[in-house]
Amino acid sequence: MDVNIYLLYGVPVVGLVMALVRLAREVGLPTKYAPALALVLGVIGGIAIAYQQGTDFVQGAVIGLVIGAAASGFYDNAKFVGAAPDEGE
């Protein structure tokens, strides 16, 4: 599998999307909209990758959905890091 399908000018798009979502949250975006923003930014990033590589934009949009979902999943899982364990355990 070619790793370049996840890079935009050498920058990993998943990390870029995660950083932009975090920046938006710092500016005041409600947390409940963070996954939707990650998906939108992922699709934009996927289309930009498709444009850069000269491939089909639909393929880029699908890759962007994967990128956005991955960034959203990383964000959701990071919420639980450092959380106190349940008292019943």
C-alpha atoms as a PDB file:
ATOM      1  CA  MET A   1       0.000   0.000   0.000  1.00  0.00           C
ATOM      2  CA  ASP A   2       1.295   3.431  -0.925  1.00  0.00           C
ATOM      3  CA  VAL A   3       1.581   5.762   2.065  1.00  0.00           C
ATOM      4  CA  ASN A   4       1.570   8.813  -0.217  1.00  0.00           C
ATOM      5  CA  ILE A   5      -2.222   8.612  -0.526  1.00  0.00           C
ATOM      6  CA  TYR A   6      -2.375   9.998   3.035  1.00  0.00           C
ATOM      7  CA  LEU A   7       0.193  12.767   2.533  1.00  0.00           C
ATOM      8  CA  LEU A   8      -0.417  16.268   1.228  1.00  0.00           C
ATOM      9  CA  TYR A   9       2.924  17.769   0.177  1.00  0.00           C
ATOM     10  CA  GLY A  10       4.632  15.448   2.642  1.00  0.00           C
ATOM     11  CA  VAL A  11       2.333  16.303   5.564  1.00  0.00           C
ATOM     12  CA  PRO A  12       0.205  13.512   7.078  1.00  0.00           C
ATOM     13  CA  VAL A  13      -3.354  14.717   6.589  1.00  0.00           C
ATOM     14  CA  VAL A  14      -4.712  12.832   9.629  1.00  0.00           C
ATOM     15  CA  GLY A  15      -2.425  14.832  11.912  1.00  0.00           C
ATOM     16  CA  LEU A  16      -3.287  18.036  10.103  1.00  0.00           C
ATOM     17  CA  VAL A  17      -7.014  17.394  10.498  1.00  0.00           C
ATOM     18  CA  MET A  18      -6.558  16.579  14.184  1.00  0.00           C
ATOM     19  CA  ALA A  19      -4.610  19.796  14.731  1.00  0.00           C
ATOM     20  CA  LEU A  20      -7.195  21.912  12.892  1.00  0.00           C
ATOM     21  CA  VAL A  21     -10.069  20.381  14.873  1.00  0.00           C
ATOM     22  CA  ARG A  22      -8.233  21.023  18.111  1.00  0.00           C
ATOM     23  CA  LEU A  23      -7.580  24.609  17.038  1.00  0.00           C
ATOM     24  CA  ALA A  24     -11.271  25.050  16.221  1.00  0.00           C
ATOM     25  CA  ARG A  25     -12.192  23.704  19.659  1.00  0.00           C
ATOM     26  CA  GLU A  26      -9.755  26.126  21.305  1.00  0.00           C
ATOM     27  CA  VAL A  27     -11.384  29.000  19.411  1.00  0.00           C
ATOM     28  CA  GLY A  28     -14.833  27.985  20.627  1.00  0.00           C
ATOM     29  CA  LEU A  29     -16.278  25.182  18.485  1.00  0.00           C
ATOM     30  CA  PRO A  30     -18.630  23.059  20.635  1.00  0.00           C
ATOM     31  CA  THR A  31     -17.234  19.579  21.239  1.00  0.00           C
ATOM     32  CA  LYS A  32     -20.260  17.867  19.712  1.00  0.00           C
ATOM     33  CA  TYR A  33     -19.375  19.324  16.285  1.00  0.00           C
ATOM     34  CA  ALA A  34     -15.728  18.151  16.343  1.00  0.00           C
ATOM     35  CA  PRO A  35     -16.366  14.792  14.577  1.00  0.00           C
ATOM     36  CA  ALA A  36     -18.361  16.481  11.802  1.00  0.00           C
ATOM     37  CA  LEU A  37     -15.606  19.042  11.310  1.00  0.00           C
ATOM     38  CA  ALA A  38     -13.033  16.237  11.178  1.00  0.00           C
ATOM     39  CA  LEU A  39     -15.012  14.510   8.412  1.00  0.00           C
ATOM     40  CA  VAL A  40     -15.397  17.723   6.406  1.00  0.00           C
ATOM     41  CA  LEU A  41     -11.713  18.593   6.740  1.00  0.00           C
ATOM     42  CA  GLY A  42     -10.808  14.999   5.868  1.00  0.00           C
ATOM     43  CA  VAL A  43     -12.831  15.143   2.645  1.00  0.00           C
ATOM     44  CA  ILE A  44     -11.243  18.488   1.753  1.00  0.00           C
ATOM     45  CA  GLY A  45      -7.817  16.999   2.449  1.00  0.00           C
ATOM     46  CA  GLY A  46      -8.627  13.893   0.402  1.00  0.00           C
ATOM     47  CA  ILE A  47      -9.730  15.989  -2.565  1.00  0.00           C
ATOM     48  CA  ALA A  48      -6.552  18.074  -2.236  1.00  0.00           C
ATOM     49  CA  ILE A  49      -4.494  14.861  -2.266  1.00  0.00           C
ATOM     50  CA  ALA A  50      -6.358  13.696  -5.375  1.00  0.00           C
ATOM     51  CA  TYR A  51      -5.669  17.027  -7.070  1.00  0.00           C
ATOM     52  CA  GLN A  52      -1.983  16.870  -6.111  1.00  0.00           C
ATOM     53  CA  GLN A  53      -1.582  13.317  -7.424  1.00  0.00           C
ATOM     54  CA  GLY A  54      -3.778  13.772 -10.500  1.00  0.00           C
ATOM     55  CA  THR A  55      -6.251  11.050  -9.497  1.00  0.00           C
ATOM     56  CA  ASP A  56     -10.034  10.908  -9.456  1.00  0.00           C
ATOM     57  CA  PHE A  57     -11.728  13.351  -7.046  1.00  0.00           C
ATOM     58  CA  VAL A  58     -14.267  10.727  -5.946  1.00  0.00           C
ATOM     59  CA  GLN A  59     -11.411   8.482  -4.878  1.00  0.00           C
ATOM     60  CA  GLY A  60      -9.934  11.463  -3.021  1.00  0.00           C
ATOM     61  CA  ALA A  61     -13.252  12.107  -1.270  1.00  0.00           C
ATOM     62  CA  VAL A  62     -13.444   8.479  -0.134  1.00  0.00           C
ATOM     63  CA  ILE A  63      -9.870   8.613   1.147  1.00  0.00           C
ATOM     64  CA  GLY A  64     -10.832  11.867   2.854  1.00  0.00           C
ATOM     65  CA  LEU A  65     -13.714  10.164   4.641  1.00  0.00           C
ATOM     66  CA  VAL A  66     -11.270   7.571   5.951  1.00  0.00           C
ATOM     67  CA  ILE A  67      -8.886  10.320   7.042  1.00  0.00           C
ATOM     68  CA  GLY A  68     -11.669  12.252   8.776  1.00  0.00           C
ATOM     69  CA  ALA A  69     -13.001   9.148  10.500  1.00  0.00           C
ATOM     70  CA  ALA A  70      -9.507   8.247  11.684  1.00  0.00           C
ATOM     71  CA  ALA A  71      -8.935  11.764  13.020  1.00  0.00           C
ATOM     72  CA  SER A  72     -12.322  11.694  14.727  1.00  0.00           C
ATOM     73  CA  GLY A  73     -11.607   8.295  16.252  1.00  0.00           C
ATOM     74  CA  PHE A  74      -8.246   9.462  17.565  1.00  0.00           C
ATOM     75  CA  TYR A  75      -9.968  12.429  19.172  1.00  0.00           C
ATOM     76  CA  ASP A  76     -12.687  10.274  20.767  1.00  0.00           C
ATOM     77  CA  ASN A  77     -10.150   7.784  22.134  1.00  0.00           C
ATOM     78  CA  ALA A  78      -7.874  10.533  23.440  1.00  0.00           C
ATOM     79  CA  LYS A  79     -10.714  11.767  25.667  1.00  0.00           C
ATOM     80  CA  PHE A  80     -10.470   8.582  27.694  1.00  0.00           C
ATOM     81  CA  VAL A  81      -6.733   8.735  28.281  1.00  0.00           C
ATOM     82  CA  GLY A  82      -6.190   9.882  31.826  1.00  0.00           C
ATOM     83  CA  ALA A  83      -9.824   9.384  32.828  1.00  0.00           C
ATOM     84  CA  ALA A  84     -10.349   7.933  36.280  1.00  0.00           C
ATOM     85  CA  PRO A  85     -11.341   4.253  36.261  1.00  0.00           C
ATOM     86  CA  ASP A  86     -14.826   3.306  37.399  1.00  0.00           C
ATOM     87  CA  GLU A  87     -15.143   2.793  41.133  1.00  0.00           C
ATOM     88  CA  GLY A  88     -16.672  -0.662  40.587  1.00  0.00           C
ATOM     89  CA  GLU A  89     -13.502  -2.051  39.040  1.00  0.00           C
END
